[in-house]
Amino acid sequence: MVGMSHTTHAMSFNIGPKGRSVIPAAVRREAGLHEGDEVVAIAVGQGRVLIETVAAMRQFVWDGAPQPGDANATEDVRAMRLEDIAISDAAAERRGATVSETDSAARGAALLAKLGL
């Protein structure tokens, strides 16, 4: 979300009877908004609305996406999975529960049988 630190033009304006409003020209110029630009209005809290062009939103998403060569998705998923397993194991240990592979397979088979699969 855009912060107020870059704001140079802040002007008040009214919302009309049909919910319409006009963004002041100085604000449009500062934001680089032009006639015909497709914009999205996002409610970000009580009394707060963020207006952003679709192009700016798209750029924000792409800027946050991994670029080719930046990451190895397979390794990332494997690392996250190992982290999940470690968290699950730690939780089971805290509960004092240990499930052997045989117990796990038996419980899985019982569940499948109960589901009729």
PDB file of N, CA and C in Angstrom:
ATOM      1  N   MET A   1       0.843  -1.157   0.000  1.00  0.00           N
ATOM      2  CA  MET A   1       0.000   0.000   0.000  1.00  0.00           C
ATOM      3  C   MET A   1       0.896   1.231   0.000  1.00  0.00           C
ATOM      4  N   VAL A   2       0.434   2.271  -0.622  1.00  0.00           N
ATOM      5  CA  VAL A   2       1.177   3.503  -0.725  1.00  0.00           C
ATOM      6  C   VAL A   2       1.084   4.246   0.590  1.00  0.00           C
ATOM      7  N   GLY A   3       2.205   4.710   1.094  1.00  0.00           N
ATOM      8  CA  GLY A   3       2.221   5.479   2.340  1.00  0.00           C
ATOM      9  C   GLY A   3       2.070   6.961   2.055  1.00  0.00           C
ATOM     10  N   MET A   4       1.942   7.736   3.104  1.00  0.00           N
ATOM     11  CA  MET A   4       1.778   9.175   2.964  1.00  0.00           C
ATOM     12  C   MET A   4       3.109   9.892   2.822  1.00  0.00           C
ATOM     13  N   SER A   5       4.234   9.191   2.913  1.00  0.00           N
ATOM     14  CA  SER A   5       5.530   9.851   2.906  1.00  0.00           C
ATOM     15  C   SER A   5       5.840  10.525   1.576  1.00  0.00           C
ATOM     16  N   HIS A   6       5.221  10.110   0.483  1.00  0.00           N
ATOM     17  CA  HIS A   6       5.502  10.691  -0.825  1.00  0.00           C
ATOM     18  C   HIS A   6       4.445  11.707  -1.240  1.00  0.00           C
ATOM     19  N   THR A   7       3.473  11.966  -0.386  1.00  0.00           N
ATOM     20  CA  THR A   7       2.374  12.839  -0.737  1.00  0.00           C
ATOM     21  C   THR A   7       2.845  14.280  -0.840  1.00  0.00           C
ATOM     22  N   THR A   8       2.575  14.897  -1.984  1.00  0.00           N
ATOM     23  CA  THR A   8       2.879  16.315  -2.128  1.00  0.00           C
ATOM     24  C   THR A   8       1.605  17.117  -2.334  1.00  0.00           C
ATOM     25  N   HIS A   9       0.556  16.473  -2.825  1.00  0.00           N
ATOM     26  CA  HIS A   9      -0.719  17.157  -3.001  1.00  0.00           C
ATOM     27  C   HIS A   9      -1.801  16.398  -2.247  1.00  0.00           C
ATOM     28  N   ALA A  10      -2.416  17.064  -1.310  1.00  0.00           N
ATOM     29  CA  ALA A  10      -3.559  16.497  -0.597  1.00  0.00           C
ATOM     30  C   ALA A  10      -4.651  17.556  -0.646  1.00  0.00           C
ATOM     31  N   MET A  11      -5.751  17.218  -1.257  1.00  0.00           N
ATOM     32  CA  MET A  11      -6.852  18.168  -1.404  1.00  0.00           C
ATOM     33  C   MET A  11      -8.150  17.470  -1.055  1.00  0.00           C
ATOM     34  N   SER A  12      -9.047  18.192  -0.457  1.00  0.00           N
ATOM     35  CA  SER A  12     -10.344  17.606  -0.143  1.00  0.00           C
ATOM     36  C   SER A  12     -11.288  17.800  -1.328  1.00  0.00           C
ATOM     37  N   PHE A  13     -12.219  16.872  -1.448  1.00  0.00           N
ATOM     38  CA  PHE A  13     -13.273  16.966  -2.448  1.00  0.00           C
ATOM     39  C   PHE A  13     -14.463  16.188  -1.938  1.00  0.00           C
ATOM     40  N   ASN A  14     -15.622  16.438  -2.520  1.00  0.00           N
ATOM     41  CA  ASN A  14     -16.865  15.844  -2.036  1.00  0.00           C
ATOM     42  C   ASN A  14     -17.300  14.670  -2.896  1.00  0.00           C
ATOM     43  N   ILE A  15     -18.095  13.824  -2.278  1.00  0.00           N
ATOM     44  CA  ILE A  15     -18.739  12.735  -2.998  1.00  0.00           C
ATOM     45  C   ILE A  15     -20.143  13.215  -3.312  1.00  0.00           C
ATOM     46  N   GLY A  16     -20.512  13.128  -4.591  1.00  0.00           N
ATOM     47  CA  GLY A  16     -21.804  13.625  -5.042  1.00  0.00           C
ATOM     48  C   GLY A  16     -22.956  12.718  -4.676  1.00  0.00           C
ATOM     49  N   PRO A  17     -24.174  13.136  -5.043  1.00  0.00           N
ATOM     50  CA  PRO A  17     -25.380  12.397  -4.669  1.00  0.00           C
ATOM     51  C   PRO A  17     -25.423  10.972  -5.222  1.00  0.00           C
ATOM     52  N   LYS A  18     -24.799  10.701  -6.330  1.00  0.00           N
ATOM     53  CA  LYS A  18     -24.812   9.353  -6.894  1.00  0.00           C
ATOM     54  C   LYS A  18     -23.530   8.594  -6.541  1.00  0.00           C
ATOM     55  N   GLY A  19     -22.781   9.097  -5.558  1.00  0.00           N
ATOM     56  CA  GLY A  19     -21.552   8.435  -5.143  1.00  0.00           C
ATOM     57  C   GLY A  19     -20.368   8.767  -6.031  1.00  0.00           C
ATOM     58  N   ARG A  20     -20.529   9.743  -6.901  1.00  0.00           N
ATOM     59  CA  ARG A  20     -19.462  10.114  -7.825  1.00  0.00           C
ATOM     60  C   ARG A  20     -18.611  11.222  -7.232  1.00  0.00           C
ATOM     61  N   SER A  21     -17.352  11.238  -7.633  1.00  0.00           N
ATOM     62  CA  SER A  21     -16.457  12.309  -7.212  1.00  0.00           C
ATOM     63  C   SER A  21     -15.448  12.556  -8.322  1.00  0.00           C
ATOM     64  N   VAL A  22     -14.812  13.705  -8.254  1.00  0.00           N
ATOM     65  CA  VAL A  22     -13.781  14.077  -9.221  1.00  0.00           C
ATOM     66  C   VAL A  22     -12.485  14.258  -8.448  1.00  0.00           C
ATOM     67  N   ILE A  23     -11.464  13.543  -8.866  1.00  0.00           N
ATOM     68  CA  ILE A  23     -10.155  13.689  -8.228  1.00  0.00           C
ATOM     69  C   ILE A  23      -9.572  15.015  -8.712  1.00  0.00           C
ATOM     70  N   PRO A  24      -9.151  15.880  -7.807  1.00  0.00           N
ATOM     71  CA  PRO A  24      -8.619  17.186  -8.219  1.00  0.00           C
ATOM     72  C   PRO A  24      -7.459  17.051  -9.211  1.00  0.00           C
ATOM     73  N   ALA A  25      -7.398  17.995 -10.151  1.00  0.00           N
ATOM     74  CA  ALA A  25      -6.396  17.951 -11.227  1.00  0.00           C
ATOM     75  C   ALA A  25      -4.977  17.866 -10.696  1.00  0.00           C
ATOM     76  N   ALA A  26      -4.650  18.616  -9.655  1.00  0.00           N
ATOM     77  CA  ALA A  26      -3.284  18.598  -9.112  1.00  0.00           C
ATOM     78  C   ALA A  26      -2.920  17.200  -8.590  1.00  0.00           C
ATOM     79  N   VAL A  27      -3.876  16.529  -7.973  1.00  0.00           N
ATOM     80  CA  VAL A  27      -3.645  15.183  -7.459  1.00  0.00           C
ATOM     81  C   VAL A  27      -3.479  14.206  -8.623  1.00  0.00           C
ATOM     82  N   ARG A  28      -4.336  14.338  -9.646  1.00  0.00           N
ATOM     83  CA  ARG A  28      -4.229  13.468 -10.828  1.00  0.00           C
ATOM     84  C   ARG A  28      -2.866  13.637 -11.490  1.00  0.00           C
ATOM     85  N   ARG A  29      -2.439  14.889 -11.647  1.00  0.00           N
ATOM     86  CA  ARG A  29      -1.127  15.138 -12.275  1.00  0.00           C
ATOM     87  C   ARG A  29      -0.002  14.504 -11.466  1.00  0.00           C
ATOM     88  N   GLU A  30      -0.031  14.739 -10.153  1.00  0.00           N
ATOM     89  CA  GLU A  30       1.018  14.197  -9.277  1.00  0.00           C
ATOM     90  C   GLU A  30       1.061  12.672  -9.346  1.00  0.00           C
ATOM     91  N   ALA A  31      -0.113  12.053  -9.427  1.00  0.00           N
ATOM     92  CA  ALA A  31      -0.207  10.586  -9.460  1.00  0.00           C
ATOM     93  C   ALA A  31      -0.009  10.023 -10.865  1.00  0.00           C
ATOM     94  N   GLY A  32       0.042  10.886 -11.865  1.00  0.00           N
ATOM     95  CA  GLY A  32       0.201  10.401 -13.238  1.00  0.00           C
ATOM     96  C   GLY A  32      -1.052   9.752 -13.782  1.00  0.00           C
ATOM     97  N   LEU A  33      -2.209  10.176 -13.286  1.00  0.00           N
ATOM     98  CA  LEU A  33      -3.482   9.634 -13.776  1.00  0.00           C
ATOM     99  C   LEU A  33      -3.962  10.459 -14.959  1.00  0.00           C
ATOM    100  N   HIS A  34      -4.434   9.760 -15.983  1.00  0.00           N
ATOM    101  CA  HIS A  34      -4.887  10.427 -17.197  1.00  0.00           C
ATOM    102  C   HIS A  34      -6.291   9.951 -17.557  1.00  0.00           C
ATOM    103  N   GLU A  35      -6.968  10.773 -18.328  1.00  0.00           N
ATOM    104  CA  GLU A  35      -8.306  10.413 -18.777  1.00  0.00           C
ATOM    105  C   GLU A  35      -8.251   9.052 -19.468  1.00  0.00           C
ATOM    106  N   GLY A  36      -9.173   8.188 -19.107  1.00  0.00           N
ATOM    107  CA  GLY A  36      -9.251   6.863 -19.708  1.00  0.00           C
ATOM    108  C   GLY A  36      -8.470   5.796 -18.960  1.00  0.00           C
ATOM    109  N   ASP A  37      -7.628   6.182 -17.975  1.00  0.00           N
ATOM    110  CA  ASP A  37      -6.902   5.175 -17.199  1.00  0.00           C
ATOM    111  C   ASP A  37      -7.897   4.307 -16.439  1.00  0.00           C
ATOM    112  N   GLU A  38      -7.646   3.008 -16.435  1.00  0.00           N
ATOM    113  CA  GLU A  38      -8.485   2.087 -15.661  1.00  0.00           C
ATOM    114  C   GLU A  38      -7.948   2.057 -14.236  1.00  0.00           C
ATOM    115  N   VAL A  39      -8.815   2.369 -13.283  1.00  0.00           N
ATOM    116  CA  VAL A  39      -8.403   2.402 -11.884  1.00  0.00           C
ATOM    117  C   VAL A  39      -9.244   1.456 -11.054  1.00  0.00           C
ATOM    118  N   VAL A  40      -8.711   1.115  -9.893  1.00  0.00           N
ATOM    119  CA  VAL A  40      -9.395   0.244  -8.946  1.00  0.00           C
ATOM    120  C   VAL A  40      -9.441   0.991  -7.618  1.00  0.00           C
ATOM    121  N   ALA A  41     -10.592   0.987  -6.978  1.00  0.00           N
ATOM    122  CA  ALA A  41     -10.741   1.592  -5.653  1.00  0.00           C
ATOM    123  C   ALA A  41     -10.796   0.465  -4.631  1.00  0.00           C
ATOM    124  N   ILE A  42      -9.948   0.565  -3.619  1.00  0.00           N
ATOM    125  CA  ILE A  42      -9.862  -0.470  -2.592  1.00  0.00           C
ATOM    126  C   ILE A  42     -10.132   0.173  -1.235  1.00  0.00           C
ATOM    127  N   ALA A  43     -11.137  -0.322  -0.522  1.00  0.00           N
ATOM    128  CA  ALA A  43     -11.403   0.153   0.835  1.00  0.00           C
ATOM    129  C   ALA A  43     -10.327  -0.431   1.744  1.00  0.00           C
ATOM    130  N   VAL A  44      -9.566   0.435   2.390  1.00  0.00           N
ATOM    131  CA  VAL A  44      -8.467  -0.023   3.238  1.00  0.00           C
ATOM    132  C   VAL A  44      -8.714   0.278   4.712  1.00  0.00           C
ATOM    133  N   GLY A  45      -9.928   0.614   5.042  1.00  0.00           N
ATOM    134  CA  GLY A  45     -10.285   0.898   6.422  1.00  0.00           C
ATOM    135  C   GLY A  45     -11.436   1.882   6.448  1.00  0.00           C
ATOM    136  N   GLN A  46     -11.949   2.101   7.628  1.00  0.00           N
ATOM    137  CA  GLN A  46     -13.059   3.027   7.789  1.00  0.00           C
ATOM    138  C   GLN A  46     -12.630   4.418   7.327  1.00  0.00           C
ATOM    139  N   GLY A  47     -13.297   4.941   6.316  1.00  0.00           N
ATOM    140  CA  GLY A  47     -13.001   6.275   5.817  1.00  0.00           C
ATOM    141  C   GLY A  47     -11.749   6.372   4.962  1.00  0.00           C
ATOM    142  N   ARG A  48     -11.176   5.242   4.550  1.00  0.00           N
ATOM    143  CA  ARG A  48      -9.948   5.250   3.751  1.00  0.00           C
ATOM    144  C   ARG A  48     -10.151   4.443   2.474  1.00  0.00           C
ATOM    145  N   VAL A  49      -9.762   5.047   1.357  1.00  0.00           N
ATOM    146  CA  VAL A  49      -9.866   4.392   0.053  1.00  0.00           C
ATOM    147  C   VAL A  49      -8.553   4.596  -0.675  1.00  0.00           C
ATOM    148  N   LEU A  50      -8.029   3.535  -1.264  1.00  0.00           N
ATOM    149  CA  LEU A  50      -6.832   3.604  -2.093  1.00  0.00           C
ATOM    150  C   LEU A  50      -7.284   3.502  -3.538  1.00  0.00           C
ATOM    151  N   ILE A  51      -6.883   4.452  -4.363  1.00  0.00           N
ATOM    152  CA  ILE A  51      -7.203   4.420  -5.790  1.00  0.00           C
ATOM    153  C   ILE A  51      -5.895   4.176  -6.522  1.00  0.00           C
ATOM    154  N   GLU A  52      -5.876   3.123  -7.322  1.00  0.00           N
ATOM    155  CA  GLU A  52      -4.652   2.712  -7.996  1.00  0.00           C
ATOM    156  C   GLU A  52      -4.983   2.289  -9.422  1.00  0.00           C
ATOM    157  N   THR A  53      -4.092   2.581 -10.344  1.00  0.00           N
ATOM    158  CA  THR A  53      -4.337   2.128 -11.713  1.00  0.00           C
ATOM    159  C   THR A  53      -4.125   0.626 -11.778  1.00  0.00           C
ATOM    160  N   VAL A  54      -4.805   0.001 -12.709  1.00  0.00           N
ATOM    161  CA  VAL A  54      -4.636  -1.439 -12.908  1.00  0.00           C
ATOM    162  C   VAL A  54      -3.184  -1.726 -13.277  1.00  0.00           C
ATOM    163  N   ALA A  55      -2.590  -0.848 -14.085  1.00  0.00           N
ATOM    164  CA  ALA A  55      -1.189  -1.040 -14.488  1.00  0.00           C
ATOM    165  C   ALA A  55      -0.260  -1.005 -13.277  1.00  0.00           C
ATOM    166  N   ALA A  56      -0.507  -0.089 -12.332  1.00  0.00           N
ATOM    167  CA  ALA A  56       0.323  -0.002 -11.132  1.00  0.00           C
ATOM    168  C   ALA A  56       0.170  -1.247 -10.265  1.00  0.00           C
ATOM    169  N   MET A  57      -1.072  -1.746 -10.152  1.00  0.00           N
ATOM    170  CA  MET A  57      -1.304  -2.969  -9.384  1.00  0.00           C
ATOM    171  C   MET A  57      -0.588  -4.153 -10.019  1.00  0.00           C
ATOM    172  N   ARG A  58      -0.705  -4.245 -11.332  1.00  0.00           N
ATOM    173  CA  ARG A  58      -0.048  -5.323 -12.065  1.00  0.00           C
ATOM    174  C   ARG A  58       1.460  -5.268 -11.846  1.00  0.00           C
ATOM    175  N   GLN A  59       2.044  -4.065 -11.925  1.00  0.00           N
ATOM    176  CA  GLN A  59       3.482  -3.902 -11.737  1.00  0.00           C
ATOM    177  C   GLN A  59       3.900  -4.294 -10.327  1.00  0.00           C
ATOM    178  N   PHE A  60       3.077  -3.918  -9.332  1.00  0.00           N
ATOM    179  CA  PHE A  60       3.363  -4.279  -7.945  1.00  0.00           C
ATOM    180  C   PHE A  60       3.426  -5.794  -7.784  1.00  0.00           C
ATOM    181  N   VAL A  61       2.478  -6.507  -8.386  1.00  0.00           N
ATOM    182  CA  VAL A  61       2.448  -7.970  -8.298  1.00  0.00           C
ATOM    183  C   VAL A  61       3.667  -8.560  -8.983  1.00  0.00           C
ATOM    184  N   TRP A  62       3.982  -8.092 -10.175  1.00  0.00           N
ATOM    185  CA  TRP A  62       5.129  -8.629 -10.912  1.00  0.00           C
ATOM    186  C   TRP A  62       6.444  -8.317 -10.216  1.00  0.00           C
ATOM    187  N   ASP A  63       6.547  -7.152  -9.598  1.00  0.00           N
ATOM    188  CA  ASP A  63       7.778  -6.804  -8.886  1.00  0.00           C
ATOM    189  C   ASP A  63       8.020  -7.739  -7.710  1.00  0.00           C
ATOM    190  N   GLY A  64       6.944  -8.251  -7.114  1.00  0.00           N
ATOM    191  CA  GLY A  64       7.076  -9.157  -5.978  1.00  0.00           C
ATOM    192  C   GLY A  64       7.264 -10.609  -6.366  1.00  0.00           C
ATOM    193  N   ALA A  65       7.050 -10.924  -7.634  1.00  0.00           N
ATOM    194  CA  ALA A  65       7.173 -12.309  -8.091  1.00  0.00           C
ATOM    195  C   ALA A  65       8.640 -12.670  -8.315  1.00  0.00           C
ATOM    196  N   PRO A  66       9.001 -13.923  -8.043  1.00  0.00           N
ATOM    197  CA  PRO A  66      10.377 -14.341  -8.312  1.00  0.00           C
ATOM    198  C   PRO A  66      10.697 -14.209  -9.804  1.00  0.00           C
ATOM    199  N   GLN A  67      11.865 -13.736 -10.084  1.00  0.00           N
ATOM    200  CA  GLN A  67      12.305 -13.585 -11.462  1.00  0.00           C
ATOM    201  C   GLN A  67      13.066 -14.840 -11.874  1.00  0.00           C
ATOM    202  N   PRO A  68      13.103 -15.143 -13.175  1.00  0.00           N
ATOM    203  CA  PRO A  68      13.864 -16.312 -13.627  1.00  0.00           C
ATOM    204  C   PRO A  68      15.301 -16.242 -13.116  1.00  0.00           C
ATOM    205  N   GLY A  69      15.749 -17.324 -12.558  1.00  0.00           N
ATOM    206  CA  GLY A  69      17.106 -17.380 -12.045  1.00  0.00           C
ATOM    207  C   GLY A  69      17.221 -16.930 -10.598  1.00  0.00           C
ATOM    208  N   ASP A  70      16.166 -16.294 -10.055  1.00  0.00           N
ATOM    209  CA  ASP A  70      16.209 -15.816  -8.671  1.00  0.00           C
ATOM    210  C   ASP A  70      15.981 -16.939  -7.668  1.00  0.00           C
ATOM    211  N   ALA A  71      15.221 -17.932  -8.063  1.00  0.00           N
ATOM    212  CA  ALA A  71      14.855 -18.945  -7.085  1.00  0.00           C
ATOM    213  C   ALA A  71      14.675 -20.295  -7.752  1.00  0.00           C
ATOM    214  N   ASN A  72      14.809 -21.319  -6.964  1.00  0.00           N
ATOM    215  CA  ASN A  72      14.564 -22.673  -7.425  1.00  0.00           C
ATOM    216  C   ASN A  72      13.294 -23.139  -6.727  1.00  0.00           C
ATOM    217  N   ALA A  73      12.182 -23.135  -7.449  1.00  0.00           N
ATOM    218  CA  ALA A  73      10.879 -23.431  -6.849  1.00  0.00           C
ATOM    219  C   ALA A  73      10.849 -24.801  -6.182  1.00  0.00           C
ATOM    220  N   THR A  74      11.463 -25.796  -6.806  1.00  0.00           N
ATOM    221  CA  THR A  74      11.457 -27.144  -6.240  1.00  0.00           C
ATOM    222  C   THR A  74      12.151 -27.157  -4.889  1.00  0.00           C
ATOM    223  N   GLU A  75      13.301 -26.523  -4.812  1.00  0.00           N
ATOM    224  CA  GLU A  75      14.038 -26.464  -3.544  1.00  0.00           C
ATOM    225  C   GLU A  75      13.265 -25.671  -2.499  1.00  0.00           C
ATOM    226  N   ASP A  76      12.612 -24.596  -2.931  1.00  0.00           N
ATOM    227  CA  ASP A  76      11.824 -23.785  -1.996  1.00  0.00           C
ATOM    228  C   ASP A  76      10.676 -24.606  -1.407  1.00  0.00           C
ATOM    229  N   VAL A  77       9.969 -25.337  -2.257  1.00  0.00           N
ATOM    230  CA  VAL A  77       8.851 -26.164  -1.788  1.00  0.00           C
ATOM    231  C   VAL A  77       9.365 -27.261  -0.864  1.00  0.00           C
ATOM    232  N   ARG A  78      10.473 -27.888  -1.236  1.00  0.00           N
ATOM    233  CA  ARG A  78      11.050 -28.947  -0.403  1.00  0.00           C
ATOM    234  C   ARG A  78      11.433 -28.375   0.975  1.00  0.00           C
ATOM    235  N   ALA A  79      12.048 -27.200   1.004  1.00  0.00           N
ATOM    236  CA  ALA A  79      12.452 -26.583   2.269  1.00  0.00           C
ATOM    237  C   ALA A  79      11.228 -26.248   3.115  1.00  0.00           C
ATOM    238  N   MET A  80      10.178 -25.714   2.479  1.00  0.00           N
ATOM    239  CA  MET A  80       8.961 -25.395   3.224  1.00  0.00           C
ATOM    240  C   MET A  80       8.319 -26.662   3.779  1.00  0.00           C
ATOM    241  N   ARG A  81       8.336 -27.736   2.996  1.00  0.00           N
ATOM    242  CA  ARG A  81       7.745 -29.007   3.447  1.00  0.00           C
ATOM    243  C   ARG A  81       8.515 -29.556   4.643  1.00  0.00           C
ATOM    244  N   LEU A  82       9.850 -29.494   4.588  1.00  0.00           N
ATOM    245  CA  LEU A  82      10.656 -29.962   5.707  1.00  0.00           C
ATOM    246  C   LEU A  82      10.398 -29.124   6.960  1.00  0.00           C
ATOM    247  N   GLU A  83      10.200 -27.829   6.763  1.00  0.00           N
ATOM    248  CA  GLU A  83       9.884 -26.948   7.886  1.00  0.00           C
ATOM    249  C   GLU A  83       8.522 -27.324   8.481  1.00  0.00           C
ATOM    250  N   ASP A  84       7.539 -27.612   7.616  1.00  0.00           N
ATOM    251  CA  ASP A  84       6.216 -28.034   8.092  1.00  0.00           C
ATOM    252  C   ASP A  84       6.307 -29.332   8.885  1.00  0.00           C
ATOM    253  N   ILE A  85       7.104 -30.267   8.397  1.00  0.00           N
ATOM    254  CA  ILE A  85       7.262 -31.556   9.086  1.00  0.00           C
ATOM    255  C   ILE A  85       7.887 -31.326  10.463  1.00  0.00           C
ATOM    256  N   ALA A  86       8.896 -30.471  10.518  1.00  0.00           N
ATOM    257  CA  ALA A  86       9.554 -30.178  11.793  1.00  0.00           C
ATOM    258  C   ALA A  86       8.573 -29.549  12.774  1.00  0.00           C
ATOM    259  N   ILE A  87       7.738 -28.650  12.298  1.00  0.00           N
ATOM    260  CA  ILE A  87       6.741 -28.012  13.162  1.00  0.00           C
ATOM    261  C   ILE A  87       5.737 -29.047  13.661  1.00  0.00           C
ATOM    262  N   SER A  88       5.268 -29.912  12.771  1.00  0.00           N
ATOM    263  CA  SER A  88       4.313 -30.960  13.159  1.00  0.00           C
ATOM    264  C   SER A  88       4.934 -31.921  14.160  1.00  0.00           C
ATOM    265  N   ASP A  89       6.182 -32.317  13.914  1.00  0.00           N
ATOM    266  CA  ASP A  89       6.868 -33.233  14.826  1.00  0.00           C
ATOM    267  C   ASP A  89       7.037 -32.597  16.202  1.00  0.00           C
ATOM    268  N   ALA A  90       7.400 -31.312  16.231  1.00  0.00           N
ATOM    269  CA  ALA A  90       7.581 -30.619  17.507  1.00  0.00           C
ATOM    270  C   ALA A  90       6.252 -30.533  18.253  1.00  0.00           C
ATOM    271  N   ALA A  91       5.168 -30.278  17.544  1.00  0.00           N
ATOM    272  CA  ALA A  91       3.854 -30.211  18.182  1.00  0.00           C
ATOM    273  C   ALA A  91       3.457 -31.569  18.739  1.00  0.00           C
ATOM    274  N   ALA A  92       3.706 -32.630  17.982  1.00  0.00           N
ATOM    275  CA  ALA A  92       3.381 -33.978  18.442  1.00  0.00           C
ATOM    276  C   ALA A  92       4.217 -34.334  19.671  1.00  0.00           C
ATOM    277  N   GLU A  93       5.464 -33.916  19.661  1.00  0.00           N
ATOM    278  CA  GLU A  93       6.343 -34.196  20.799  1.00  0.00           C
ATOM    279  C   GLU A  93       5.853 -33.463  22.044  1.00  0.00           C
ATOM    280  N   ARG A  94       5.409 -32.223  21.869  1.00  0.00           N
ATOM    281  CA  ARG A  94       4.884 -31.461  23.008  1.00  0.00           C
ATOM    282  C   ARG A  94       3.633 -32.136  23.586  1.00  0.00           C
ATOM    283  N   ARG A  95       2.833 -32.721  22.701  1.00  0.00           N
ATOM    284  CA  ARG A  95       1.630 -33.423  23.164  1.00  0.00           C
ATOM    285  C   ARG A  95       1.966 -34.791  23.730  1.00  0.00           C
ATOM    286  N   GLY A  96       3.207 -35.229  23.528  1.00  0.00           N
ATOM    287  CA  GLY A  96       3.616 -36.537  24.011  1.00  0.00           C
ATOM    288  C   GLY A  96       3.142 -37.647  23.107  1.00  0.00           C
ATOM    289  N   ALA A  97       2.730 -37.304  21.914  1.00  0.00           N
ATOM    290  CA  ALA A  97       2.212 -38.309  20.985  1.00  0.00           C
ATOM    291  C   ALA A  97       3.283 -38.638  19.958  1.00  0.00           C
ATOM    292  N   THR A  98       3.498 -39.910  19.797  1.00  0.00           N
ATOM    293  CA  THR A  98       4.364 -40.366  18.715  1.00  0.00           C
ATOM    294  C   THR A  98       3.587 -41.408  17.939  1.00  0.00           C
ATOM    295  N   VAL A  99       3.591 -41.286  16.668  1.00  0.00           N
ATOM    296  CA  VAL A  99       2.851 -42.208  15.810  1.00  0.00           C
ATOM    297  C   VAL A  99       3.862 -42.911  14.928  1.00  0.00           C
ATOM    298  N   SER A 100       3.877 -44.213  15.037  1.00  0.00           N
ATOM    299  CA  SER A 100       4.799 -44.969  14.200  1.00  0.00           C
ATOM    300  C   SER A 100       4.236 -45.047  12.786  1.00  0.00           C
ATOM    301  N   GLU A 101       5.089 -45.446  11.865  1.00  0.00           N
ATOM    302  CA  GLU A 101       4.652 -45.579  10.475  1.00  0.00           C
ATOM    303  C   GLU A 101       3.555 -46.635  10.358  1.00  0.00           C
ATOM    304  N   THR A 102       3.649 -47.707  11.153  1.00  0.00           N
ATOM    305  CA  THR A 102       2.646 -48.771  11.136  1.00  0.00           C
ATOM    306  C   THR A 102       1.314 -48.233  11.652  1.00  0.00           C
ATOM    307  N   ASP A 103       1.366 -47.486  12.775  1.00  0.00           N
ATOM    308  CA  ASP A 103       0.141 -46.893  13.322  1.00  0.00           C
ATOM    309  C   ASP A 103      -0.489 -45.937  12.320  1.00  0.00           C
ATOM    310  N   SER A 104       0.329 -45.159  11.677  1.00  0.00           N
ATOM    311  CA  SER A 104      -0.163 -44.183  10.707  1.00  0.00           C
ATOM    312  C   SER A 104      -0.847 -44.884   9.543  1.00  0.00           C
ATOM    313  N   ALA A 105      -0.227 -45.963   9.048  1.00  0.00           N
ATOM    314  CA  ALA A 105      -0.808 -46.706   7.933  1.00  0.00           C
ATOM    315  C   ALA A 105      -2.126 -47.353   8.355  1.00  0.00           C
ATOM    316  N   ALA A 106      -2.170 -47.887   9.568  1.00  0.00           N
ATOM    317  CA  ALA A 106      -3.390 -48.528  10.066  1.00  0.00           C
ATOM    318  C   ALA A 106      -4.505 -47.499  10.224  1.00  0.00           C
ATOM    319  N   ARG A 107      -4.171 -46.331  10.761  1.00  0.00           N
ATOM    320  CA  ARG A 107      -5.177 -45.277  10.905  1.00  0.00           C
ATOM    321  C   ARG A 107      -5.673 -44.804   9.541  1.00  0.00           C
ATOM    322  N   GLY A 108      -4.769 -44.696   8.598  1.00  0.00           N
ATOM    323  CA  GLY A 108      -5.149 -44.285   7.244  1.00  0.00           C
ATOM    324  C   GLY A 108      -6.081 -45.299   6.605  1.00  0.00           C
ATOM    325  N   ALA A 109      -5.760 -46.584   6.757  1.00  0.00           N
ATOM    326  CA  ALA A 109      -6.597 -47.646   6.195  1.00  0.00           C
ATOM    327  C   ALA A 109      -7.977 -47.650   6.850  1.00  0.00           C
ATOM    328  N   ALA A 110      -8.013 -47.428   8.158  1.00  0.00           N
ATOM    329  CA  ALA A 110      -9.299 -47.397   8.873  1.00  0.00           C
ATOM    330  C   ALA A 110     -10.149 -46.222   8.393  1.00  0.00           C
ATOM    331  N   LEU A 111      -9.525 -45.080   8.190  1.00  0.00           N
ATOM    332  CA  LEU A 111     -10.252 -43.913   7.701  1.00  0.00           C
ATOM    333  C   LEU A 111     -10.795 -44.155   6.297  1.00  0.00           C
ATOM    334  N   LEU A 112      -9.974 -44.732   5.430  1.00  0.00           N
ATOM    335  CA  LEU A 112     -10.416 -45.038   4.068  1.00  0.00           C
ATOM    336  C   LEU A 112     -11.575 -46.021   4.087  1.00  0.00           C
ATOM    337  N   ALA A 113     -11.501 -47.026   4.956  1.00  0.00           N
ATOM    338  CA  ALA A 113     -12.581 -48.011   5.059  1.00  0.00           C
ATOM    339  C   ALA A 113     -13.857 -47.361   5.549  1.00  0.00           C
ATOM    340  N   LYS A 114     -13.723 -46.459   6.525  1.00  0.00           N
ATOM    341  CA  LYS A 114     -14.889 -45.763   7.050  1.00  0.00           C
ATOM    342  C   LYS A 114     -15.535 -44.899   5.979  1.00  0.00           C
ATOM    343  N   LEU A 115     -14.724 -44.323   5.104  1.00  0.00           N
ATOM    344  CA  LEU A 115     -15.236 -43.487   4.009  1.00  0.00           C
ATOM    345  C   LEU A 115     -15.731 -44.322   2.826  1.00  0.00           C
ATOM    346  N   GLY A 116     -15.502 -45.625   2.921  1.00  0.00           N
ATOM    347  CA  GLY A 116     -15.943 -46.518   1.842  1.00  0.00           C
ATOM    348  C   GLY A 116     -15.047 -46.467   0.625  1.00  0.00           C
ATOM    349  N   LEU A 117     -13.798 -46.125   0.836  1.00  0.00           N
ATOM    350  CA  LEU A 117     -12.849 -46.036  -0.286  1.00  0.00           C
ATOM    351  C   LEU A 117     -11.867 -47.168  -0.271  1.00  0.00           C
TER     352      LEU A 117
END
